[in-house]
Amino acid sequence: MKRARPTSRAAQRRAYLQDLASGWAPSDYRGGWPPRAAEAMEAIRRMDAGVYGLCASCSKKIPAARLEAKPEATLCVDCQSEREYRRAG
């Protein structure tokens, strides 16, 4: 039976994240959950806690375009860029 398509963007994001997280098991990936599945589960946890869409680093709102492109994002563009810069340097 085909699942009904969620109507709101938030419901669509949740459904996408649930599909992403449910497609894996810890045994599928050496060392535990694969990174994308773990990120999806964290995003669902953040939705349940009411903090989804807020940057985990600076608490600013994550732009809607970023969440559309990467629903599991936990950092705003500035904080993500800073993290990547520090890792590279």
N, C-alpha and C. Protein backbone atom coordinates (compact mmCIF):
# COMPACT_ATOMS: atom_id res chain seq x y z
N MET A 1 0.84 -1.18 0.00
CA MET A 1 0.00 0.00 0.00
C MET A 1 0.88 1.24 0.00
N LYS A 2 0.55 2.18 -0.83
CA LYS A 2 1.33 3.41 -0.97
C LYS A 2 1.03 4.35 0.20
N ARG A 3 2.09 4.93 0.75
CA ARG A 3 1.93 5.87 1.86
C ARG A 3 1.45 7.21 1.33
N ALA A 4 0.54 7.83 2.06
CA ALA A 4 0.03 9.15 1.66
C ALA A 4 1.17 10.17 1.75
N ARG A 5 1.22 11.06 0.79
CA ARG A 5 2.27 12.09 0.78
C ARG A 5 1.95 13.18 1.80
N PRO A 6 2.90 13.51 2.67
CA PRO A 6 2.69 14.59 3.64
C PRO A 6 2.46 15.92 2.91
N THR A 7 1.65 16.77 3.50
CA THR A 7 1.30 18.01 2.82
C THR A 7 2.18 19.20 3.23
N SER A 8 2.54 19.33 4.47
CA SER A 8 3.36 20.48 4.87
C SER A 8 4.84 20.19 4.63
N ARG A 9 5.62 21.25 4.48
CA ARG A 9 7.06 21.08 4.29
C ARG A 9 7.69 20.36 5.48
N ALA A 10 7.25 20.72 6.68
CA ALA A 10 7.80 20.07 7.87
C ALA A 10 7.49 18.57 7.85
N ALA A 11 6.29 18.22 7.46
CA ALA A 11 5.91 16.80 7.39
C ALA A 11 6.69 16.10 6.28
N GLN A 12 6.93 16.79 5.18
CA GLN A 12 7.71 16.20 4.08
C GLN A 12 9.16 15.96 4.53
N ARG A 13 9.73 16.93 5.25
CA ARG A 13 11.10 16.77 5.74
C ARG A 13 11.18 15.60 6.72
N ARG A 14 10.20 15.53 7.65
CA ARG A 14 10.19 14.44 8.63
C ARG A 14 10.10 13.10 7.91
N ALA A 15 9.22 12.98 6.92
CA ALA A 15 9.06 11.73 6.18
C ALA A 15 10.36 11.36 5.47
N TYR A 16 11.01 12.34 4.85
CA TYR A 16 12.30 12.09 4.18
C TYR A 16 13.34 11.60 5.18
N LEU A 17 13.43 12.27 6.32
CA LEU A 17 14.41 11.90 7.34
C LEU A 17 14.13 10.52 7.90
N GLN A 18 12.86 10.20 8.12
CA GLN A 18 12.50 8.88 8.62
C GLN A 18 12.87 7.80 7.61
N ASP A 19 12.61 8.08 6.33
CA ASP A 19 12.99 7.13 5.28
C ASP A 19 14.50 6.94 5.25
N LEU A 20 15.24 8.04 5.37
CA LEU A 20 16.70 7.98 5.35
C LEU A 20 17.22 7.17 6.54
N ALA A 21 16.68 7.44 7.72
CA ALA A 21 17.14 6.75 8.92
C ALA A 21 16.73 5.28 8.94
N SER A 22 15.55 4.97 8.42
CA SER A 22 15.05 3.60 8.52
C SER A 22 15.67 2.66 7.48
N GLY A 23 16.36 3.21 6.52
CA GLY A 23 16.97 2.37 5.49
C GLY A 23 18.26 1.70 5.92
N TRP A 24 18.68 1.91 7.15
CA TRP A 24 19.96 1.41 7.62
C TRP A 24 19.79 0.66 8.93
N ALA A 25 20.75 -0.15 9.23
CA ALA A 25 20.88 -0.79 10.55
C ALA A 25 22.34 -0.69 10.94
N PRO A 26 22.64 -0.67 12.24
CA PRO A 26 24.04 -0.54 12.65
C PRO A 26 24.95 -1.60 12.02
N SER A 27 24.42 -2.77 11.77
CA SER A 27 25.24 -3.84 11.20
C SER A 27 25.58 -3.60 9.73
N ASP A 28 24.87 -2.65 9.08
CA ASP A 28 25.15 -2.35 7.67
C ASP A 28 26.43 -1.54 7.49
N TYR A 29 26.92 -0.98 8.55
CA TYR A 29 28.05 -0.06 8.45
C TYR A 29 29.01 -0.36 9.60
N ARG A 30 30.25 -0.62 9.29
CA ARG A 30 31.20 -0.96 10.34
C ARG A 30 31.34 0.21 11.31
N GLY A 31 31.21 -0.08 12.58
CA GLY A 31 31.39 0.94 13.60
C GLY A 31 30.11 1.61 14.03
N GLY A 32 28.97 1.14 13.61
CA GLY A 32 27.70 1.73 14.05
C GLY A 32 26.89 2.29 12.91
N TRP A 33 26.11 3.29 13.20
CA TRP A 33 25.22 3.89 12.20
C TRP A 33 26.02 4.66 11.16
N PRO A 34 25.64 4.58 9.89
CA PRO A 34 26.30 5.40 8.88
C PRO A 34 26.02 6.87 9.16
N PRO A 35 26.93 7.76 8.78
CA PRO A 35 26.76 9.19 9.10
C PRO A 35 25.42 9.79 8.66
N ARG A 36 24.95 9.52 7.45
CA ARG A 36 23.68 10.12 6.99
C ARG A 36 22.50 9.65 7.83
N ALA A 37 22.48 8.37 8.20
CA ALA A 37 21.39 7.84 9.02
C ALA A 37 21.44 8.47 10.41
N ALA A 38 22.65 8.60 10.97
CA ALA A 38 22.80 9.22 12.29
C ALA A 38 22.36 10.68 12.25
N GLU A 39 22.71 11.39 11.18
CA GLU A 39 22.30 12.79 11.03
C GLU A 39 20.77 12.89 10.92
N ALA A 40 20.17 11.97 10.20
CA ALA A 40 18.71 11.98 10.04
C ALA A 40 18.03 11.72 11.38
N MET A 41 18.55 10.77 12.15
CA MET A 41 17.97 10.49 13.46
C MET A 41 18.12 11.68 14.40
N GLU A 42 19.25 12.37 14.32
CA GLU A 42 19.46 13.57 15.13
C GLU A 42 18.48 14.67 14.73
N ALA A 43 18.24 14.83 13.43
CA ALA A 43 17.28 15.85 12.97
C ALA A 43 15.88 15.53 13.48
N ILE A 44 15.49 14.27 13.46
CA ILE A 44 14.18 13.88 13.99
C ILE A 44 14.10 14.17 15.48
N ARG A 45 15.18 13.87 16.21
CA ARG A 45 15.23 14.17 17.64
C ARG A 45 15.07 15.68 17.87
N ARG A 46 15.73 16.48 17.02
CA ARG A 46 15.63 17.94 17.15
C ARG A 46 14.21 18.42 16.84
N MET A 47 13.55 17.78 15.87
CA MET A 47 12.15 18.12 15.58
C MET A 47 11.29 17.87 16.81
N ASP A 48 11.47 16.69 17.40
CA ASP A 48 10.68 16.32 18.58
C ASP A 48 10.94 17.25 19.76
N ALA A 49 12.17 17.77 19.85
CA ALA A 49 12.54 18.68 20.94
C ALA A 49 12.13 20.13 20.66
N GLY A 50 11.67 20.40 19.43
CA GLY A 50 11.25 21.75 19.07
C GLY A 50 12.38 22.68 18.69
N VAL A 51 13.56 22.13 18.39
CA VAL A 51 14.69 22.99 18.03
C VAL A 51 15.17 22.74 16.60
N TYR A 52 14.41 21.98 15.82
CA TYR A 52 14.77 21.75 14.43
C TYR A 52 14.74 23.08 13.69
N GLY A 53 15.75 23.33 12.87
CA GLY A 53 15.82 24.57 12.11
C GLY A 53 16.61 25.66 12.81
N LEU A 54 17.07 25.38 14.03
CA LEU A 54 17.93 26.32 14.74
C LEU A 54 19.35 25.76 14.75
N CYS A 55 20.30 26.62 14.51
CA CYS A 55 21.71 26.21 14.48
C CYS A 55 22.12 25.67 15.85
N ALA A 56 22.74 24.50 15.86
CA ALA A 56 23.19 23.88 17.10
C ALA A 56 24.37 24.63 17.71
N SER A 57 25.02 25.50 16.94
CA SER A 57 26.18 26.23 17.44
C SER A 57 25.82 27.63 17.92
N CYS A 58 25.13 28.41 17.08
CA CYS A 58 24.85 29.81 17.42
C CYS A 58 23.38 30.09 17.74
N SER A 59 22.51 29.10 17.55
CA SER A 59 21.06 29.19 17.82
C SER A 59 20.30 30.10 16.86
N LYS A 60 20.96 30.57 15.79
CA LYS A 60 20.24 31.35 14.79
C LYS A 60 19.43 30.41 13.92
N LYS A 61 18.42 30.96 13.26
CA LYS A 61 17.57 30.16 12.39
C LYS A 61 18.35 29.72 11.14
N ILE A 62 18.25 28.44 10.81
CA ILE A 62 18.87 27.92 9.60
C ILE A 62 17.97 28.30 8.43
N PRO A 63 18.51 28.91 7.37
CA PRO A 63 17.69 29.32 6.24
C PRO A 63 16.90 28.15 5.63
N ALA A 64 15.67 28.44 5.22
CA ALA A 64 14.80 27.42 4.64
C ALA A 64 15.43 26.75 3.42
N ALA A 65 16.15 27.52 2.62
CA ALA A 65 16.80 26.95 1.43
C ALA A 65 17.82 25.89 1.83
N ARG A 66 18.54 26.12 2.92
CA ARG A 66 19.51 25.12 3.39
C ARG A 66 18.80 23.86 3.86
N LEU A 67 17.69 24.03 4.58
CA LEU A 67 16.95 22.86 5.06
C LEU A 67 16.29 22.11 3.91
N GLU A 68 15.92 22.84 2.85
CA GLU A 68 15.37 22.16 1.67
C GLU A 68 16.46 21.31 1.01
N ALA A 69 17.66 21.86 0.93
CA ALA A 69 18.77 21.15 0.29
C ALA A 69 19.32 20.02 1.16
N LYS A 70 19.35 20.25 2.45
CA LYS A 70 19.91 19.26 3.39
C LYS A 70 19.06 19.26 4.66
N PRO A 71 17.96 18.52 4.66
CA PRO A 71 17.04 18.53 5.80
C PRO A 71 17.68 18.11 7.12
N GLU A 72 18.77 17.36 7.07
CA GLU A 72 19.42 16.91 8.29
C GLU A 72 20.44 17.91 8.83
N ALA A 73 20.54 19.09 8.22
CA ALA A 73 21.50 20.12 8.66
C ALA A 73 21.21 20.55 10.09
N THR A 74 22.27 20.67 10.88
CA THR A 74 22.13 21.17 12.26
C THR A 74 22.86 22.49 12.46
N LEU A 75 23.61 22.92 11.43
CA LEU A 75 24.35 24.17 11.52
C LEU A 75 23.92 25.12 10.41
N CYS A 76 23.92 26.42 10.72
CA CYS A 76 23.66 27.42 9.69
C CYS A 76 24.86 27.46 8.74
N VAL A 77 24.73 28.16 7.65
CA VAL A 77 25.79 28.21 6.64
C VAL A 77 27.08 28.78 7.24
N ASP A 78 26.98 29.85 8.01
CA ASP A 78 28.18 30.46 8.59
C ASP A 78 28.92 29.50 9.53
N CYS A 79 28.17 28.84 10.41
CA CYS A 79 28.81 27.92 11.36
C CYS A 79 29.36 26.69 10.64
N GLN A 80 28.66 26.20 9.62
CA GLN A 80 29.17 25.07 8.86
C GLN A 80 30.45 25.44 8.12
N SER A 81 30.48 26.64 7.53
CA SER A 81 31.68 27.11 6.85
C SER A 81 32.86 27.23 7.82
N GLU A 82 32.59 27.77 9.00
CA GLU A 82 33.64 27.90 10.00
C GLU A 82 34.17 26.53 10.41
N ARG A 83 33.27 25.56 10.61
CA ARG A 83 33.69 24.21 10.98
C ARG A 83 34.58 23.59 9.89
N GLU A 84 34.17 23.75 8.64
CA GLU A 84 34.95 23.19 7.54
C GLU A 84 36.30 23.88 7.41
N TYR A 85 36.35 25.19 7.65
CA TYR A 85 37.61 25.93 7.60
C TYR A 85 38.58 25.42 8.67
N ARG A 86 38.06 25.21 9.89
CA ARG A 86 38.91 24.72 10.98
C ARG A 86 39.42 23.31 10.69
N ARG A 87 38.57 22.47 10.11
CA ARG A 87 39.00 21.10 9.78
C ARG A 87 40.08 21.09 8.71
N ALA A 88 40.00 22.02 7.77
CA ALA A 88 40.96 22.07 6.66
C ALA A 88 42.30 22.65 7.12
N GLY A 89 42.25 23.50 8.12
CA GLY A 89 43.46 24.22 8.51
C GLY A 89 44.19 23.57 9.58
